[in-house]
Amino acid sequence: MQYLSVQEFTKSPQAALAVASKRKKVVLTRNGKASHILIKTDDKSLEMLNDMLVKIEFERSVSEMQAESKRNGNSKMSMKEINNIISKVRADAKKAK
């Protein structure tokens, strides 16, 4: 894996793509922090890579929601409390129609 700043990439995208072709992965950074990944692909592997990325994004979203739930105390709610909230939201939605 090679790291390049977004600024370096902007100045010479072809050079960055050449590196990605050789090393397979290039991490672009903004203010010293990772922001994007360039991954070599082709028509055969594009769909598979996209499917894998969708799964990773989903897992990351679930993890973030679980962490937020723990922070705000919702992770301690009982099923009865959850179902009551769902029922209220559904009832409010029906009234709004």
C-alpha atoms as a PDB file:
ATOM      1  CA  MET A   1       0.000   0.000   0.000  1.00  0.00           C
ATOM      2  CA  GLN A   2       1.254   3.460  -0.864  1.00  0.00           C
ATOM      3  CA  TYR A   3       0.052   6.721   0.635  1.00  0.00           C
ATOM      4  CA  LEU A   4      -0.431   9.877  -1.434  1.00  0.00           C
ATOM      5  CA  SER A   5      -1.977  13.167  -0.452  1.00  0.00           C
ATOM      6  CA  VAL A   6      -5.034  14.320  -2.381  1.00  0.00           C
ATOM      7  CA  GLN A   7      -2.934  17.292  -3.459  1.00  0.00           C
ATOM      8  CA  GLU A   8      -0.267  14.969  -4.932  1.00  0.00           C
ATOM      9  CA  PHE A   9      -2.979  12.968  -6.682  1.00  0.00           C
ATOM     10  CA  THR A  10      -4.509  16.141  -8.143  1.00  0.00           C
ATOM     11  CA  LYS A  11      -1.142  17.230  -9.534  1.00  0.00           C
ATOM     12  CA  SER A  12      -0.427  13.886 -11.157  1.00  0.00           C
ATOM     13  CA  PRO A  13      -3.360  11.459 -11.322  1.00  0.00           C
ATOM     14  CA  GLN A  14      -1.690   9.336 -14.013  1.00  0.00           C
ATOM     15  CA  ALA A  15       1.309   8.722 -11.756  1.00  0.00           C
ATOM     16  CA  ALA A  16      -0.991   7.672  -8.923  1.00  0.00           C
ATOM     17  CA  LEU A  17      -2.865   5.301 -11.222  1.00  0.00           C
ATOM     18  CA  ALA A  18       0.445   3.821 -12.380  1.00  0.00           C
ATOM     19  CA  VAL A  19       1.360   3.163  -8.741  1.00  0.00           C
ATOM     20  CA  ALA A  20      -2.059   1.634  -8.131  1.00  0.00           C
ATOM     21  CA  SER A  21      -1.550  -0.640 -11.124  1.00  0.00           C
ATOM     22  CA  LYS A  22       1.712  -1.933  -9.686  1.00  0.00           C
ATOM     23  CA  ARG A  23       0.925  -2.032  -5.974  1.00  0.00           C
ATOM     24  CA  LYS A  24      -2.807  -2.725  -6.257  1.00  0.00           C
ATOM     25  CA  LYS A  25      -3.784  -0.163  -3.542  1.00  0.00           C
ATOM     26  CA  VAL A  26      -3.115   3.537  -3.038  1.00  0.00           C
ATOM     27  CA  VAL A  27      -4.433   5.355   0.022  1.00  0.00           C
ATOM     28  CA  LEU A  28      -5.212   9.005  -0.564  1.00  0.00           C
ATOM     29  CA  THR A  29      -4.841  11.241   2.455  1.00  0.00           C
ATOM     30  CA  ARG A  30      -6.258  14.626   3.368  1.00  0.00           C
ATOM     31  CA  ASN A  31      -4.540  16.519   6.191  1.00  0.00           C
ATOM     32  CA  GLY A  32      -2.557  13.381   6.988  1.00  0.00           C
ATOM     33  CA  LYS A  33      -5.643  11.177   7.412  1.00  0.00           C
ATOM     34  CA  ALA A  34      -6.861   8.460   5.061  1.00  0.00           C
ATOM     35  CA  SER A  35      -9.773   9.590   2.894  1.00  0.00           C
ATOM     36  CA  HIS A  36      -9.944   7.323  -0.181  1.00  0.00           C
ATOM     37  CA  ILE A  37      -8.509   4.087  -1.543  1.00  0.00           C
ATOM     38  CA  LEU A  38      -7.605   3.420  -5.174  1.00  0.00           C
ATOM     39  CA  ILE A  39      -7.826  -0.269  -6.017  1.00  0.00           C
ATOM     40  CA  LYS A  40      -6.826  -1.854  -9.289  1.00  0.00           C
ATOM     41  CA  THR A  41      -9.731  -3.652 -10.905  1.00  0.00           C
ATOM     42  CA  ASP A  42     -10.981  -4.950 -14.226  1.00  0.00           C
ATOM     43  CA  ASP A  43     -14.303  -5.860 -15.782  1.00  0.00           C
ATOM     44  CA  LYS A  44     -14.161  -9.361 -14.310  1.00  0.00           C
ATOM     45  CA  SER A  45     -13.605  -8.323 -10.694  1.00  0.00           C
ATOM     46  CA  LEU A  46     -15.500  -5.012 -10.578  1.00  0.00           C
ATOM     47  CA  GLU A  47     -18.870  -6.468  -9.590  1.00  0.00           C
ATOM     48  CA  MET A  48     -17.307  -8.699  -6.931  1.00  0.00           C
ATOM     49  CA  LEU A  49     -15.339  -5.782  -5.466  1.00  0.00           C
ATOM     50  CA  ASN A  50     -18.449  -3.609  -5.444  1.00  0.00           C
ATOM     51  CA  ASP A  51     -20.447  -6.324  -3.641  1.00  0.00           C
ATOM     52  CA  MET A  52     -17.697  -6.644  -1.033  1.00  0.00           C
ATOM     53  CA  LEU A  53     -17.585  -2.874  -0.508  1.00  0.00           C
ATOM     54  CA  VAL A  54     -21.369  -2.717  -0.084  1.00  0.00           C
ATOM     55  CA  LYS A  55     -21.116  -5.390   2.637  1.00  0.00           C
ATOM     56  CA  ILE A  56     -18.285  -3.542   4.359  1.00  0.00           C
ATOM     57  CA  GLU A  57     -20.218  -0.252   4.268  1.00  0.00           C
ATOM     58  CA  PHE A  58     -23.274  -2.004   5.721  1.00  0.00           C
ATOM     59  CA  GLU A  59     -21.246  -3.597   8.526  1.00  0.00           C
ATOM     60  CA  ARG A  60     -19.621  -0.256   9.321  1.00  0.00           C
ATOM     61  CA  SER A  61     -23.034   1.446   9.450  1.00  0.00           C
ATOM     62  CA  VAL A  62     -24.402  -1.208  11.800  1.00  0.00           C
ATOM     63  CA  SER A  63     -21.345  -0.885  14.056  1.00  0.00           C
ATOM     64  CA  GLU A  64     -21.763   2.899  14.151  1.00  0.00           C
ATOM     65  CA  MET A  65     -25.460   2.568  15.026  1.00  0.00           C
ATOM     66  CA  GLN A  66     -24.677   0.065  17.780  1.00  0.00           C
ATOM     67  CA  ALA A  67     -22.023   2.364  19.243  1.00  0.00           C
ATOM     68  CA  GLU A  68     -24.425   5.327  19.138  1.00  0.00           C
ATOM     69  CA  SER A  69     -27.111   3.212  20.801  1.00  0.00           C
ATOM     70  CA  LYS A  70     -24.722   2.370  23.633  1.00  0.00           C
ATOM     71  CA  ARG A  71     -23.721   6.035  24.025  1.00  0.00           C
ATOM     72  CA  ASN A  72     -27.290   7.302  24.272  1.00  0.00           C
ATOM     73  CA  GLY A  73     -28.582   4.428  26.397  1.00  0.00           C
ATOM     74  CA  ASN A  74     -30.942   2.888  23.846  1.00  0.00           C
ATOM     75  CA  SER A  75     -29.064  -0.417  23.944  1.00  0.00           C
ATOM     76  CA  LYS A  76     -30.669  -1.107  27.332  1.00  0.00           C
ATOM     77  CA  MET A  77     -34.253  -0.822  26.039  1.00  0.00           C
ATOM     78  CA  SER A  78     -36.517  -3.847  26.380  1.00  0.00           C
ATOM     79  CA  MET A  79     -38.389  -5.297  23.406  1.00  0.00           C
ATOM     80  CA  LYS A  80     -41.619  -3.981  24.943  1.00  0.00           C
ATOM     81  CA  GLU A  81     -40.217  -0.431  24.990  1.00  0.00           C
ATOM     82  CA  ILE A  82     -39.015  -0.767  21.402  1.00  0.00           C
ATOM     83  CA  ASN A  83     -42.363  -2.123  20.221  1.00  0.00           C
ATOM     84  CA  ASN A  84     -44.208   0.708  21.988  1.00  0.00           C
ATOM     85  CA  ILE A  85     -42.086   3.282  20.159  1.00  0.00           C
ATOM     86  CA  ILE A  86     -42.664   1.522  16.822  1.00  0.00           C
ATOM     87  CA  SER A  87     -46.427   1.425  17.445  1.00  0.00           C
ATOM     88  CA  LYS A  88     -46.482   5.133  18.287  1.00  0.00           C
ATOM     89  CA  VAL A  89     -44.525   6.075  15.160  1.00  0.00           C
ATOM     90  CA  ARG A  90     -46.827   3.961  12.986  1.00  0.00           C
ATOM     91  CA  ALA A  91     -49.932   5.484  14.582  1.00  0.00           C
ATOM     92  CA  ASP A  92     -48.568   9.002  14.061  1.00  0.00           C
ATOM     93  CA  ALA A  93     -47.819   8.182  10.414  1.00  0.00           C
ATOM     94  CA  LYS A  94     -51.402   6.990   9.855  1.00  0.00           C
ATOM     95  CA  LYS A  95     -52.762  10.196  11.408  1.00  0.00           C
ATOM     96  CA  ALA A  96     -50.547  12.285   9.132  1.00  0.00           C
ATOM     97  CA  LYS A  97     -52.089  10.751   5.987  1.00  0.00           C
END
